Amino acid sequence: MQPLIKQLGYAGLLPFIGLNALTFTDILPQSLVYLYFTQYSAVLLSFFGGVHWYDAISSNKPAHQRYVAMLPTIVGWICLTQTGAPWVLGVLSISYLLMMFYDKQVLTLPKEMVVAYTKLRMQLTTVVVLSHALMIFSR
């Protein structure tokens, strides 16, 4: 896997980590930190649907992948409309895990790319899920 891909993946963690760090300061009101965290999480989750949309239309994949490709955006949008609800971060967190497992089973990648991508996704998703947990418990 190209170093730039890893760097961009790790850079995508910065808002999760940074916003969690802000919960320990008075720089922003906690309600805003939570809102920004939820917004970023929902937007980033929708990105994973795009990965499956491209994979489904560029190869002859089963129809279910096209439907699954839409789910992260719909789940993210629902979470955005319910930002204050106590279940939102849990749903987003679980959605990241489910998409990671679905990626591993469905994406069409060369074998060496699957290994590298899965390893990177496991690392990134672990940090994302832990960030969600920290945000939940810091409220």
C-alpha atoms as a PDB file:
ATOM      1  CA  MET A   1       0.000   0.000   0.000  1.00  0.00           C
ATOM      2  CA  GLN A   2       1.306   3.421  -0.917  1.00  0.00           C
ATOM      3  CA  PRO A   3       2.588   5.524   1.983  1.00  0.00           C
ATOM      4  CA  LEU A   4       0.317   8.415   0.962  1.00  0.00           C
ATOM      5  CA  ILE A   5      -2.764   6.238   1.426  1.00  0.00           C
ATOM      6  CA  LYS A   6      -1.678   5.353   4.949  1.00  0.00           C
ATOM      7  CA  GLN A   7      -0.826   8.972   5.719  1.00  0.00           C
ATOM      8  CA  LEU A   8      -4.224  10.159   4.537  1.00  0.00           C
ATOM      9  CA  GLY A   9      -5.919   7.413   6.540  1.00  0.00           C
ATOM     10  CA  TYR A  10      -4.085   8.412   9.699  1.00  0.00           C
ATOM     11  CA  ALA A  11      -4.746  12.104   9.000  1.00  0.00           C
ATOM     12  CA  GLY A  12      -8.449  11.258   8.949  1.00  0.00           C
ATOM     13  CA  LEU A  13      -8.127  10.330  12.618  1.00  0.00           C
ATOM     14  CA  LEU A  14      -6.995  13.818  13.647  1.00  0.00           C
ATOM     15  CA  PRO A  15     -10.513  15.274  14.059  1.00  0.00           C
ATOM     16  CA  PHE A  16     -11.564  12.283  16.180  1.00  0.00           C
ATOM     17  CA  ILE A  17      -8.513  12.621  18.413  1.00  0.00           C
ATOM     18  CA  GLY A  18      -8.510  16.417  18.436  1.00  0.00           C
ATOM     19  CA  LEU A  19     -12.172  16.741  19.294  1.00  0.00           C
ATOM     20  CA  ASN A  20     -11.770  14.212  22.101  1.00  0.00           C
ATOM     21  CA  ALA A  21      -8.862  16.273  23.419  1.00  0.00           C
ATOM     22  CA  LEU A  22     -11.100  19.355  23.373  1.00  0.00           C
ATOM     23  CA  THR A  23     -13.484  17.675  25.816  1.00  0.00           C
ATOM     24  CA  PHE A  24     -10.796  18.195  28.467  1.00  0.00           C
ATOM     25  CA  THR A  25     -10.579  21.947  27.815  1.00  0.00           C
ATOM     26  CA  ASP A  26     -12.839  24.981  27.904  1.00  0.00           C
ATOM     27  CA  ILE A  27     -11.873  26.105  24.392  1.00  0.00           C
ATOM     28  CA  LEU A  28     -15.300  25.193  22.999  1.00  0.00           C
ATOM     29  CA  PRO A  29     -18.565  24.396  24.746  1.00  0.00           C
ATOM     30  CA  GLN A  30     -18.922  20.633  25.197  1.00  0.00           C
ATOM     31  CA  SER A  31     -22.149  20.664  23.195  1.00  0.00           C
ATOM     32  CA  LEU A  32     -20.272  22.062  20.190  1.00  0.00           C
ATOM     33  CA  VAL A  33     -17.448  19.549  20.539  1.00  0.00           C
ATOM     34  CA  TYR A  34     -20.013  16.737  20.587  1.00  0.00           C
ATOM     35  CA  LEU A  35     -21.838  18.222  17.586  1.00  0.00           C
ATOM     36  CA  TYR A  36     -18.635  18.595  15.541  1.00  0.00           C
ATOM     37  CA  PHE A  37     -17.558  15.072  16.459  1.00  0.00           C
ATOM     38  CA  THR A  38     -20.917  13.639  15.388  1.00  0.00           C
ATOM     39  CA  GLN A  39     -20.874  15.627  12.154  1.00  0.00           C
ATOM     40  CA  TYR A  40     -17.388  14.497  11.232  1.00  0.00           C
ATOM     41  CA  SER A  41     -18.172  10.897  12.105  1.00  0.00           C
ATOM     42  CA  ALA A  42     -21.335  10.873   9.972  1.00  0.00           C
ATOM     43  CA  VAL A  43     -19.578  12.460   6.997  1.00  0.00           C
ATOM     44  CA  LEU A  44     -16.632  10.081   7.191  1.00  0.00           C
ATOM     45  CA  LEU A  45     -18.935   7.072   7.510  1.00  0.00           C
ATOM     46  CA  SER A  46     -20.628   8.043   4.249  1.00  0.00           C
ATOM     47  CA  PHE A  47     -17.226   7.857   2.537  1.00  0.00           C
ATOM     48  CA  PHE A  48     -17.208   4.082   3.056  1.00  0.00           C
ATOM     49  CA  GLY A  49     -20.458   3.792   1.150  1.00  0.00           C
ATOM     50  CA  GLY A  50     -18.780   5.507  -1.784  1.00  0.00           C
ATOM     51  CA  VAL A  51     -16.064   2.876  -1.789  1.00  0.00           C
ATOM     52  CA  HIS A  52     -18.701   0.173  -2.215  1.00  0.00           C
ATOM     53  CA  TRP A  53     -20.676   2.137  -4.776  1.00  0.00           C
ATOM     54  CA  TYR A  54     -17.605   2.400  -6.991  1.00  0.00           C
ATOM     55  CA  ASP A  55     -16.728  -1.263  -6.458  1.00  0.00           C
ATOM     56  CA  ALA A  56     -20.279  -2.371  -7.275  1.00  0.00           C
ATOM     57  CA  ILE A  57     -20.594  -0.384 -10.491  1.00  0.00           C
ATOM     58  CA  SER A  58     -17.058  -1.051 -11.744  1.00  0.00           C
ATOM     59  CA  SER A  59     -17.342  -4.821 -11.423  1.00  0.00           C
ATOM     60  CA  ASN A  60     -20.226  -7.178 -11.825  1.00  0.00           C
ATOM     61  CA  LYS A  61     -21.117  -7.425  -8.148  1.00  0.00           C
ATOM     62  CA  PRO A  62     -24.325  -8.651  -6.514  1.00  0.00           C
ATOM     63  CA  ALA A  63     -27.088  -6.074  -6.166  1.00  0.00           C
ATOM     64  CA  HIS A  64     -26.850  -6.142  -2.355  1.00  0.00           C
ATOM     65  CA  GLN A  65     -23.562  -4.224  -2.543  1.00  0.00           C
ATOM     66  CA  ARG A  66     -25.317  -1.304  -4.250  1.00  0.00           C
ATOM     67  CA  TYR A  67     -27.856  -1.211  -1.433  1.00  0.00           C
ATOM     68  CA  VAL A  68     -25.211  -1.516   1.270  1.00  0.00           C
ATOM     69  CA  ALA A  69     -23.317   1.317  -0.430  1.00  0.00           C
ATOM     70  CA  MET A  70     -26.224   3.623   0.398  1.00  0.00           C
ATOM     71  CA  LEU A  71     -26.523   2.612   4.058  1.00  0.00           C
ATOM     72  CA  PRO A  72     -23.595   4.582   5.528  1.00  0.00           C
ATOM     73  CA  THR A  73     -24.956   7.820   4.079  1.00  0.00           C
ATOM     74  CA  ILE A  74     -28.484   7.111   5.300  1.00  0.00           C
ATOM     75  CA  VAL A  75     -27.287   6.055   8.764  1.00  0.00           C
ATOM     76  CA  GLY A  76     -25.036   9.119   8.935  1.00  0.00           C
ATOM     77  CA  TRP A  77     -27.878  11.424   7.923  1.00  0.00           C
ATOM     78  CA  ILE A  78     -30.259   9.911  10.481  1.00  0.00           C
ATOM     79  CA  CYS A  79     -27.594  10.365  13.152  1.00  0.00           C
ATOM     80  CA  LEU A  80     -27.171  14.004  12.121  1.00  0.00           C
ATOM     81  CA  THR A  81     -30.883  14.630  12.518  1.00  0.00           C
ATOM     82  CA  GLN A  82     -30.740  13.091  16.007  1.00  0.00           C
ATOM     83  CA  THR A  83     -27.413  14.525  17.174  1.00  0.00           C
ATOM     84  CA  GLY A  84     -28.462  15.013  20.784  1.00  0.00           C
ATOM     85  CA  ALA A  85     -29.845  11.500  21.194  1.00  0.00           C
ATOM     86  CA  PRO A  86     -27.817   9.256  23.510  1.00  0.00           C
ATOM     87  CA  TRP A  87     -27.660   6.387  20.979  1.00  0.00           C
ATOM     88  CA  VAL A  88     -26.148   8.340  18.062  1.00  0.00           C
ATOM     89  CA  LEU A  89     -22.457   7.734  18.756  1.00  0.00           C
ATOM     90  CA  GLY A  90     -23.128   4.079  19.505  1.00  0.00           C
ATOM     91  CA  VAL A  91     -24.878   3.642  16.150  1.00  0.00           C
ATOM     92  CA  LEU A  92     -22.052   5.414  14.322  1.00  0.00           C
ATOM     93  CA  SER A  93     -19.446   3.314  16.106  1.00  0.00           C
ATOM     94  CA  ILE A  94     -21.206   0.050  15.289  1.00  0.00           C
ATOM     95  CA  SER A  95     -21.631   1.195  11.696  1.00  0.00           C
ATOM     96  CA  TYR A  96     -17.866   1.638  11.336  1.00  0.00           C
ATOM     97  CA  LEU A  97     -17.314  -1.898  12.611  1.00  0.00           C
ATOM     98  CA  LEU A  98     -19.947  -3.383  10.324  1.00  0.00           C
ATOM     99  CA  MET A  99     -18.543  -1.585   7.281  1.00  0.00           C
ATOM    100  CA  MET A 100     -15.045  -2.827   8.076  1.00  0.00           C
ATOM    101  CA  PHE A 101     -16.243  -6.433   8.225  1.00  0.00           C
ATOM    102  CA  TYR A 102     -18.321  -5.975   5.082  1.00  0.00           C
ATOM    103  CA  ASP A 103     -15.307  -4.473   3.273  1.00  0.00           C
ATOM    104  CA  LYS A 104     -13.235  -7.510   4.071  1.00  0.00           C
ATOM    105  CA  GLN A 105     -15.845  -9.855   2.623  1.00  0.00           C
ATOM    106  CA  VAL A 106     -16.991  -7.965  -0.450  1.00  0.00           C
ATOM    107  CA  LEU A 107     -14.430  -5.534  -1.875  1.00  0.00           C
ATOM    108  CA  THR A 108     -12.671  -6.643  -5.032  1.00  0.00           C
ATOM    109  CA  LEU A 109      -8.975  -6.083  -4.456  1.00  0.00           C
ATOM    110  CA  PRO A 110      -5.849  -8.040  -5.306  1.00  0.00           C
ATOM    111  CA  LYS A 111      -4.885 -10.397  -2.460  1.00  0.00           C
ATOM    112  CA  GLU A 112      -1.866  -8.367  -1.287  1.00  0.00           C
ATOM    113  CA  MET A 113      -4.022  -5.240  -1.265  1.00  0.00           C
ATOM    114  CA  VAL A 114      -6.707  -6.969   0.817  1.00  0.00           C
ATOM    115  CA  VAL A 115      -4.130  -7.807   3.493  1.00  0.00           C
ATOM    116  CA  ALA A 116      -2.729  -4.260   3.585  1.00  0.00           C
ATOM    117  CA  TYR A 117      -6.143  -2.600   3.402  1.00  0.00           C
ATOM    118  CA  THR A 118      -7.608  -4.838   6.112  1.00  0.00           C
ATOM    119  CA  LYS A 119      -4.670  -4.127   8.415  1.00  0.00           C
ATOM    120  CA  LEU A 120      -4.996  -0.384   7.873  1.00  0.00           C
ATOM    121  CA  ARG A 121      -8.784  -0.454   8.317  1.00  0.00           C
ATOM    122  CA  MET A 122      -8.443  -2.443  11.553  1.00  0.00           C
ATOM    123  CA  GLN A 123      -6.032   0.161  12.942  1.00  0.00           C
ATOM    124  CA  LEU A 124      -8.121   3.124  11.835  1.00  0.00           C
ATOM    125  CA  THR A 125     -11.445   1.623  12.906  1.00  0.00           C
ATOM    126  CA  THR A 126     -10.036   0.728  16.315  1.00  0.00           C
ATOM    127  CA  VAL A 127      -9.064   4.353  16.925  1.00  0.00           C
ATOM    128  CA  VAL A 128     -12.415   5.576  15.596  1.00  0.00           C
ATOM    129  CA  VAL A 129     -14.412   3.224  17.833  1.00  0.00           C
ATOM    130  CA  LEU A 130     -12.282   4.063  20.874  1.00  0.00           C
ATOM    131  CA  SER A 131     -12.745   7.767  20.101  1.00  0.00           C
ATOM    132  CA  HIS A 132     -16.495   7.272  20.012  1.00  0.00           C
ATOM    133  CA  ALA A 133     -16.375   5.449  23.345  1.00  0.00           C
ATOM    134  CA  LEU A 134     -14.296   8.207  24.911  1.00  0.00           C
ATOM    135  CA  MET A 135     -16.694  10.853  23.590  1.00  0.00           C
ATOM    136  CA  ILE A 136     -19.667   8.903  24.958  1.00  0.00           C
ATOM    137  CA  PHE A 137     -18.110   8.579  28.413  1.00  0.00           C
ATOM    138  CA  SER A 138     -16.890  12.174  28.536  1.00  0.00           C
ATOM    139  CA  ARG A 139     -20.444  13.529  28.282  1.00  0.00           C
END
